[in-house]
Protein backbone atom coordinates (compact mmCIF):
# COMPACT_ATOMS: atom_id res chain seq x y z
CA UNK A 1 -16.52 3.50 -26.92
CA UNK A 2 -13.25 5.42 -27.45
CA UNK A 3 -12.05 7.02 -30.81
CA UNK A 4 -11.28 4.54 -33.22
CA UNK A 5 -13.49 1.92 -31.95
CA UNK A 6 -11.66 0.24 -29.25
CA UNK A 7 -13.34 0.08 -25.90
CA UNK A 8 -12.05 1.67 -22.74
CA UNK A 9 -11.06 -1.15 -20.32
CA UNK A 10 -11.88 -0.50 -16.57
CA UNK A 11 -9.98 -2.36 -14.06
CA UNK A 12 -11.82 -2.90 -10.72
CA UNK A 13 -10.28 -5.94 -9.46
CA UNK A 14 -7.49 -4.56 -7.24
CA UNK A 15 -8.33 -6.71 -4.43
CA UNK A 16 -7.06 -9.79 -6.85
CA UNK A 17 -3.88 -7.97 -7.82
CA UNK A 18 -2.74 -4.41 -8.53
CA UNK A 19 -0.83 -2.86 -11.40
CA UNK A 20 2.55 -1.70 -10.66
CA UNK A 21 3.16 1.80 -9.78
CA UNK A 22 5.26 3.65 -12.32
CA UNK A 23 7.76 4.61 -9.55
CA UNK A 24 8.03 1.00 -8.59
CA UNK A 25 8.98 -0.16 -12.07
CA UNK A 26 11.37 2.70 -12.53
CA UNK A 27 13.25 1.64 -9.19
CA UNK A 28 13.24 -1.92 -10.14
CA UNK A 29 14.71 -1.28 -13.72
CA UNK A 30 17.29 0.83 -12.01
CA UNK A 31 18.32 -2.02 -9.63
CA UNK A 32 18.07 -4.70 -12.43
CA UNK A 33 20.40 -2.76 -14.62
CA UNK A 34 23.10 -1.70 -12.07
CA UNK A 35 23.00 -4.18 -8.98
CA UNK A 36 23.12 -7.83 -9.78
CA UNK A 37 25.32 -8.80 -6.82
CA UNK A 38 24.29 -11.71 -4.50
CA UNK A 39 23.54 -10.03 -1.39
CA UNK A 40 25.33 -12.91 0.47
CA UNK A 41 28.65 -12.19 -1.39
CA UNK A 42 31.42 -10.09 0.50
CA UNK A 43 32.66 -8.25 -2.46
CA UNK A 44 31.54 -4.68 -3.29
CA UNK A 45 28.73 -6.00 -5.64
CA UNK A 46 27.28 -8.06 -2.94
CA UNK A 47 27.59 -5.45 -0.17
CA UNK A 48 25.69 -3.14 -2.61
CA UNK A 49 22.71 -5.57 -2.97
CA UNK A 50 22.83 -6.27 0.77
CA UNK A 51 22.58 -2.52 1.37
CA UNK A 52 19.52 -2.26 -0.75
CA UNK A 53 17.86 -5.07 1.35
CA UNK A 54 18.79 -3.60 4.65
CA UNK A 55 17.21 -0.27 3.46
CA UNK A 56 14.17 -1.98 2.37
CA UNK A 57 13.71 -4.00 5.46
CA UNK A 58 13.95 -0.91 7.60
CA UNK A 59 11.28 0.83 5.64
CA UNK A 60 8.91 -2.28 5.99
CA UNK A 61 9.61 -2.57 9.75
CA UNK A 62 8.82 1.02 10.33
CA UNK A 63 5.54 0.62 8.43
CA UNK A 64 4.14 -1.62 11.12
CA UNK A 65 6.12 -0.52 14.07
CA UNK A 66 8.41 -3.50 13.98
CA UNK A 67 12.12 -4.16 14.31
CA UNK A 68 14.08 -4.78 11.45
CA UNK A 69 15.21 -8.10 12.36
CA UNK A 70 11.59 -9.28 12.75
CA UNK A 71 10.68 -8.99 8.96
CA UNK A 72 11.30 -12.06 6.99
CA UNK A 73 11.13 -11.78 3.09
CA UNK A 74 8.92 -14.32 1.53
CA UNK A 75 7.40 -14.91 -2.10
CA UNK A 76 4.16 -13.37 -1.01
CA UNK A 77 1.13 -13.64 1.19
CA UNK A 78 0.77 -17.55 0.67
CA UNK A 79 4.25 -18.41 1.66
CA UNK A 80 4.01 -16.04 4.67
CA UNK A 81 0.80 -17.57 5.97
CA UNK A 82 2.17 -21.16 5.65
CA UNK A 83 5.27 -20.08 7.21
CA UNK A 84 3.64 -18.79 10.18
CA UNK A 85 1.11 -21.75 10.70
CA UNK A 86 3.63 -24.58 9.88
CA UNK A 87 6.37 -22.84 11.67
CA UNK A 88 4.52 -22.07 14.76
CA UNK A 89 2.73 -25.67 14.87
CA UNK A 90 6.04 -27.45 14.75
CA UNK A 91 7.94 -25.10 17.10
CA UNK A 92 5.20 -25.26 19.88
CA UNK A 93 3.84 -28.80 19.45
CA UNK A 94 5.24 -29.32 23.09
CA UNK A 95 2.77 -26.93 24.49
CA UNK A 96 -0.23 -28.07 22.65
CA UNK A 97 -1.80 -28.98 19.29
CA UNK A 98 -4.73 -26.80 19.09
CA UNK A 99 -5.23 -23.96 16.58
CA UNK A 100 -8.13 -21.43 16.22
CA UNK A 101 -8.85 -19.68 13.02
CA UNK A 102 -12.17 -18.45 11.29
CA UNK A 103 -14.33 -19.71 8.51
CA UNK A 104 -13.58 -16.64 6.38
CA UNK A 105 -9.78 -16.75 5.95
CA UNK A 106 -7.96 -16.85 2.72
CA UNK A 107 -7.31 -20.31 1.45
CA UNK A 108 -3.42 -19.85 2.19
CA UNK A 109 -4.78 -20.00 5.98
CA UNK A 110 -7.69 -22.61 5.46
CA UNK A 111 -5.75 -25.05 3.47
CA UNK A 112 -2.66 -24.92 5.57
CA UNK A 113 -5.06 -25.73 8.51
CA UNK A 114 -6.72 -28.64 6.84
CA UNK A 115 -3.10 -30.07 6.27
CA UNK A 116 -2.32 -29.50 9.89
CA UNK A 117 -5.34 -31.44 10.77
CA UNK A 118 -4.22 -34.21 8.66
CA UNK A 119 -0.79 -34.18 10.82
CA UNK A 120 -2.72 -34.53 14.15
CA UNK A 121 -3.54 -30.84 15.13
CA UNK A 122 -7.02 -29.86 16.05
CA UNK A 123 -8.36 -26.74 14.42
CA UNK A 124 -11.31 -24.72 15.66
CA UNK A 125 -13.03 -22.74 12.76
CA UNK A 126 -15.02 -19.73 14.44
CA UNK A 127 -18.15 -18.63 12.62
CA UNK A 128 -18.78 -15.15 11.64
CA UNK A 129 -22.07 -13.06 11.86
CA UNK A 130 -23.79 -11.74 8.79
CA UNK A 131 -21.42 -8.78 8.49
CA UNK A 132 -18.46 -11.19 8.40
CA UNK A 133 -17.24 -10.33 11.86
CA UNK A 134 -16.08 -12.96 14.53
CA UNK A 135 -17.21 -12.71 17.98
CA UNK A 136 -14.54 -12.25 20.80
CA UNK A 137 -16.96 -14.35 22.97
CA UNK A 138 -16.77 -17.08 20.72
CA UNK A 139 -12.86 -16.94 20.52
CA UNK A 140 -12.87 -16.54 24.31
CA UNK A 141 -14.96 -19.85 24.59
CA UNK A 142 -12.79 -21.79 22.10
CA UNK A 143 -9.43 -20.98 23.83
CA UNK A 144 -7.93 -24.01 25.77
CA UNK A 145 -4.89 -24.37 27.75
CA UNK A 146 -3.35 -26.34 24.78
CA UNK A 147 -4.06 -23.62 22.17
CA UNK A 148 -0.54 -22.67 20.69
CA UNK A 149 -2.01 -20.38 17.78
CA UNK A 150 -4.63 -18.10 16.73
CA UNK A 151 -4.83 -17.05 13.08
CA UNK A 152 -7.43 -14.36 12.19
CA UNK A 153 -7.42 -12.11 9.20
CA UNK A 154 -7.14 -8.33 9.42
CA UNK A 155 -9.39 -7.47 6.57
CA UNK A 156 -11.37 -9.85 4.32
CA UNK A 157 -10.48 -9.88 0.73
CA UNK A 158 -13.86 -10.72 -0.62
CA UNK A 159 -16.32 -8.53 1.65
CA UNK A 160 -13.87 -6.15 3.22
CA UNK A 161 -14.92 -6.83 6.84
CA UNK A 162 -12.34 -5.68 9.40
CA UNK A 163 -11.91 -8.13 12.44
CA UNK A 164 -11.50 -6.71 16.05
CA UNK A 165 -7.67 -7.48 15.95
CA UNK A 166 -6.93 -5.16 18.84
CA UNK A 167 -9.52 -6.72 21.16
CA UNK A 168 -8.31 -10.18 20.08
CA UNK A 169 -4.66 -9.24 20.91
CA UNK A 170 -5.67 -7.94 24.25
CA UNK A 171 -7.53 -11.15 25.10
CA UNK A 172 -4.60 -13.31 24.04
CA UNK A 173 -1.95 -11.23 25.93
CA UNK A 174 -2.08 -13.48 29.04
CA UNK A 175 -2.59 -16.66 27.04
CA UNK A 176 0.38 -18.81 25.67
CA UNK A 177 -1.21 -18.71 22.15
CA UNK A 178 0.52 -16.78 19.52
CA UNK A 179 -1.31 -14.41 17.42
CA UNK A 180 -1.02 -14.33 13.63
CA UNK A 181 -2.99 -12.22 11.34
CA UNK A 182 -3.08 -12.16 7.54
CA UNK A 183 -3.03 -8.52 6.72
CA UNK A 184 -2.50 -9.13 2.80
CA UNK A 185 -5.46 -7.11 1.92
CA UNK A 186 -5.30 -4.56 4.69
CA UNK A 187 -1.70 -3.52 4.57
CA UNK A 188 -1.08 -0.32 3.03
CA UNK A 189 -4.60 1.19 3.37
CA UNK A 190 -5.16 0.43 7.19
CA UNK A 191 -2.93 1.84 9.99
CA UNK A 192 -1.25 -1.15 11.40
CA UNK A 193 0.91 -1.17 14.51
CA UNK A 194 1.93 -4.69 15.79
CA UNK A 195 2.61 -3.50 19.17
CA UNK A 196 -0.59 -1.68 19.69
CA UNK A 197 -2.39 -4.85 18.27
CA UNK A 198 -0.24 -7.22 20.06
CA UNK A 199 0.14 -9.57 17.15
CA UNK A 200 3.09 -11.77 17.01
CA UNK A 201 3.14 -12.73 13.36
CA UNK A 202 1.65 -10.82 10.28
CA UNK A 203 1.63 -11.54 6.56
CA UNK A 204 1.93 -9.02 3.63
CA UNK A 205 2.22 -9.27 -0.11
CA UNK A 206 3.75 -6.58 -2.30
CA UNK A 207 1.47 -7.14 -5.34
CA UNK A 208 -1.60 -5.94 -3.47
CA UNK A 209 -0.13 -2.53 -3.08
CA UNK A 210 1.12 -1.82 -6.54
CA UNK A 211 4.42 -3.63 -5.99
CA UNK A 212 5.59 -6.66 -7.91
CA UNK A 213 4.18 -10.22 -7.68
CA UNK A 214 6.32 -12.86 -6.09
CA UNK A 215 7.28 -11.07 -2.99
CA UNK A 216 6.17 -10.32 0.52
CA UNK A 217 7.12 -10.62 4.18
CA UNK A 218 6.23 -12.27 7.44
CA UNK A 219 6.61 -10.20 10.53
CA UNK A 220 7.81 -12.56 13.28
CA UNK A 221 7.96 -11.05 16.73
CA UNK A 222 11.28 -11.45 18.46
CA UNK A 223 10.41 -14.07 20.96
CA UNK A 224 8.65 -16.29 18.38
CA UNK A 225 10.52 -19.40 17.45
CA UNK A 226 9.79 -20.69 13.79
CA UNK A 227 10.79 -23.92 12.27
CA UNK A 228 11.84 -22.77 8.65
CA UNK A 229 10.15 -24.25 5.60
CA UNK A 230 13.08 -24.10 3.32
CA UNK A 231 16.68 -25.19 4.08
CA UNK A 232 19.93 -24.08 2.31
CA UNK A 233 21.79 -20.81 3.10
CA UNK A 234 21.71 -18.63 6.01
CA UNK A 235 19.65 -15.93 4.65
CA UNK A 236 16.95 -14.21 6.63
CA UNK A 237 18.71 -15.21 9.87
CA UNK A 238 18.39 -18.88 8.93
CA UNK A 239 14.49 -18.52 8.78
CA UNK A 240 14.16 -18.72 5.05
CA UNK A 241 17.02 -19.92 2.80
CA UNK A 242 17.36 -18.69 -0.99
CA UNK A 243 18.94 -15.74 -2.48
CA UNK A 244 16.73 -12.85 -2.12
CA UNK A 245 15.09 -11.24 -5.06
CA UNK A 246 16.71 -7.80 -4.69
CA UNK A 247 14.94 -5.97 -7.42
CA UNK A 248 11.61 -7.02 -6.42
CA UNK A 249 12.31 -6.34 -2.60
CA UNK A 250 13.32 -2.65 -3.64
CA UNK A 251 10.16 -2.44 -5.61
CA UNK A 252 8.28 -3.60 -2.64
CA UNK A 253 9.98 -0.98 -0.54
CA UNK A 254 9.05 1.88 -3.08
CA UNK A 255 5.29 0.59 -3.21
CA UNK A 256 5.30 0.90 0.59
CA UNK A 257 6.81 4.46 0.66
CA UNK A 258 3.93 5.53 -1.75
CA UNK A 259 1.29 3.75 0.13
CA UNK A 260 2.26 5.48 3.37
CA UNK A 261 2.44 8.93 1.66
CA UNK A 262 -0.95 8.45 0.08
CA UNK A 263 -2.84 6.15 2.58
CA UNK A 264 -5.10 8.98 3.94
CA UNK A 265 -6.00 10.33 0.65
CA UNK A 266 -6.57 6.98 -0.85
CA UNK A 267 -8.77 5.97 2.11
CA UNK A 268 -11.00 9.00 1.35
CA UNK A 269 -10.89 8.46 -2.35
CA UNK A 270 -12.08 4.94 -2.13
CA UNK A 271 -14.61 5.51 0.51
CA UNK A 272 -15.98 8.09 -1.83
CA UNK A 273 -16.01 5.68 -4.78
CA UNK A 274 -18.14 3.42 -2.77
CA UNK A 275 -20.76 6.10 -2.01
CA UNK A 276 -20.69 7.01 -5.73
CA UNK A 277 -21.17 3.60 -6.82
CA UNK A 278 -24.21 3.12 -4.46
CA UNK A 279 -25.71 6.26 -5.24
CA UNK A 280 -25.67 5.58 -9.11
CA UNK A 281 -27.24 2.32 -8.47
CA UNK A 282 -30.02 3.82 -6.32
CA UNK A 283 -30.52 6.56 -8.92
CA UNK A 284 -31.22 3.66 -11.41
CA UNK A 285 -33.50 1.86 -8.89
CA UNK A 286 -31.55 -1.04 -8.85
CA UNK A 287 -32.29 -3.60 -6.32
CA UNK A 288 -29.25 -4.75 -4.33
CA UNK A 289 -27.73 -5.15 -0.81
CA UNK A 290 -24.20 -4.79 0.52
CA UNK A 291 -22.44 -7.86 1.73
CA UNK A 292 -20.51 -6.76 4.91
CA UNK A 293 -20.48 -3.14 6.19
CA UNK A 294 -20.25 -0.01 4.28
CA UNK A 295 -18.46 1.79 6.97
CA UNK A 296 -15.73 -0.05 9.24
CA UNK A 297 -14.57 -1.97 6.27
CA UNK A 298 -11.74 -1.86 3.90
CA UNK A 299 -12.26 1.12 1.87
CA UNK A 300 -11.32 -0.29 -1.52
CA UNK A 301 -13.69 -3.48 -1.32
CA UNK A 302 -17.34 -3.23 -2.18
CA UNK A 303 -19.19 -6.59 -2.44
CA UNK A 304 -22.90 -6.32 -3.53
CA UNK A 305 -25.48 -8.79 -3.95
CA UNK A 306 -28.15 -8.46 -6.94
CA UNK A 307 -31.15 -10.48 -6.26
CA UNK A 308 -32.59 -12.08 -9.40
CA UNK A 309 -29.30 -12.16 -11.26
CA UNK A 310 -26.59 -14.86 -11.75
CA UNK A 311 -23.01 -14.16 -10.95
CA UNK A 312 -21.43 -15.89 -13.84
CA UNK A 313 -23.78 -14.15 -16.44
CA UNK A 314 -23.08 -10.84 -14.57
CA UNK A 315 -19.22 -11.35 -14.75
CA UNK A 316 -19.30 -12.24 -18.43
CA UNK A 317 -21.55 -9.28 -19.50
CA UNK A 318 -19.38 -6.95 -17.49
CA UNK A 319 -16.15 -8.24 -19.01
CA UNK A 320 -17.84 -7.93 -22.56
CA UNK A 321 -18.53 -4.27 -21.73
CA UNK A 322 -14.60 -4.06 -20.91
CA UNK A 323 -15.08 -3.93 -17.01
CA UNK A 324 -13.03 -6.29 -14.96
CA UNK A 325 -14.39 -7.28 -11.51
CA UNK A 326 -14.75 -10.57 -9.66
CA UNK A 327 -16.98 -12.81 -7.53
CA UNK A 328 -15.64 -14.65 -4.48
CA UNK A 329 -16.38 -17.82 -6.48
CA UNK A 330 -14.12 -19.53 -8.85
CA UNK A 331 -16.18 -20.49 -11.94
CA UNK A 332 -15.11 -23.78 -12.81
CA UNK A 333 -16.54 -25.72 -15.80
CA UNK A 334 -19.59 -23.83 -15.68
CA UNK A 335 -20.13 -24.87 -12.10
CA UNK A 336 -19.85 -22.38 -9.36
CA UNK A 337 -18.09 -23.19 -6.28
CA UNK A 338 -19.83 -20.87 -3.78
CA UNK A 339 -17.72 -18.32 -1.75
CA UNK A 340 -16.66 -19.91 1.50
CA UNK A 341 -16.98 -16.42 2.93
CA UNK A 342 -20.50 -15.73 1.90
CA UNK A 343 -21.51 -19.29 3.04
CA UNK A 344 -20.01 -18.46 6.50
CA UNK A 345 -21.97 -15.22 6.49
CA UNK A 346 -25.31 -16.15 5.08
CA UNK A 347 -25.43 -19.99 5.20
CA UNK A 348 -25.50 -22.53 2.26
CA UNK A 349 -28.84 -22.00 1.14
CA UNK A 350 -28.70 -18.25 0.68
CA UNK A 351 -29.32 -16.62 -2.85
CA UNK A 352 -26.46 -14.29 -2.04
CA UNK A 353 -23.97 -16.89 -2.94
CA UNK A 354 -25.23 -16.94 -6.70
CA UNK A 355 -25.66 -13.09 -7.23
CA UNK A 356 -22.70 -11.37 -5.59
CA UNK A 357 -20.05 -9.32 -7.21
CA UNK A 358 -16.99 -7.69 -5.69
CA UNK A 359 -15.77 -4.23 -7.04
CA UNK A 360 -12.36 -3.22 -5.69
CA UNK A 361 -10.54 0.03 -6.22
CA UNK A 362 -7.14 1.10 -6.72
CA UNK A 363 -4.94 3.92 -7.95
CA UNK A 364 -5.74 3.72 -11.48
CA UNK A 365 -9.52 3.97 -11.10
CA UNK A 366 -11.26 7.36 -11.61
CA UNK A 367 -14.51 8.71 -10.46
CA UNK A 368 -15.77 8.72 -14.03
CA UNK A 369 -15.08 4.89 -14.45
CA UNK A 370 -16.90 4.31 -11.18
CA UNK A 371 -20.01 6.11 -12.50
CA UNK A 372 -19.66 4.16 -15.84
CA UNK A 373 -19.33 0.80 -14.01
CA UNK A 374 -22.37 1.43 -11.83
CA UNK A 375 -24.36 2.42 -14.89
CA UNK A 376 -23.41 -0.59 -17.03
CA UNK A 377 -24.09 -2.81 -13.70
CA UNK A 378 -27.46 -1.48 -13.62
CA UNK A 379 -28.21 -1.89 -17.24
CA UNK A 380 -26.96 -5.58 -16.99
CA UNK A 381 -28.99 -6.29 -13.88
CA UNK A 382 -32.24 -4.89 -15.55
CA UNK A 383 -31.54 -6.83 -18.58
CA UNK A 384 -30.73 -10.27 -16.64
CA UNK A 385 -33.83 -9.78 -14.47
CA UNK A 386 -36.14 -9.75 -17.50
């Protein structure tokens, strides 16, 4: 408890969304106050707004080793994923109607693929091993002459597993299939270069890296044709109509600049948090296991299974203690929809599905909060197991 009886609230759900960085807010306020022109207008107000967007596009392109004209601003990760999948499917259907993805993708990819199946496309959903990683061998066997797109996420939002993106890019190089990666959870914390990885399309969202909600981008390699998902004006080189959200785009740019400056120190900090968390649990003799890998995974995501507990009771108890974390499952009307990621990793019958919690870190988290959370978690686990 803090002075005056109000409890300190601890936010460890940064994989769901992140608080905006103070510098981002400041920059956005400045733009909202002074630069209200429409970037498509030719007068000075419009030109100023356009200039801001050009500078932001330059920063974002540079952050992944891309060219400026390869960045398409979107409303976030979901739109970027949809734009990639439907855009490629429609543009390349003359070359085939087969798509490959994995069983552990974000729903923005999985539900888009299910929709494509209804539209006459064939989708192969690759399995993963117990650490959440796809096998290159499985991918290689699934590839066909009529495969037009492979969509495999960079790092998993629930368990943090990082896929062998570079190897997959290498495997696909001689093939006609385009390669899309949903990098929403990895961008800003992993070192990403689209040319080194051989990816053709890559999705990013600002609100996962302390930027505003409702903005993101899709990287689209020069040679890739994309049928647009929105029609109207000529914005984004006719790939996405609609007046650009200038303030949010500038906020996004600032978030990327901060993430770039602090990437290495953040990686170190979050990896340290993981170790601290695990050491604390071990000190308290808590029975737990790690879902996914401790090393070679996203440093800010830690998914733990606590045998003999129940995820809903855990989440409610942690929330009452002022601690915000999540499970991969959405609790709806008291029934738990098991996490599709954990199902793919451990099978439908596994207890892991009903006792796993995701802790995810960000710039507001402190070592002290990590220790408190681990101690509180240990207390709750002990209580629930009685």
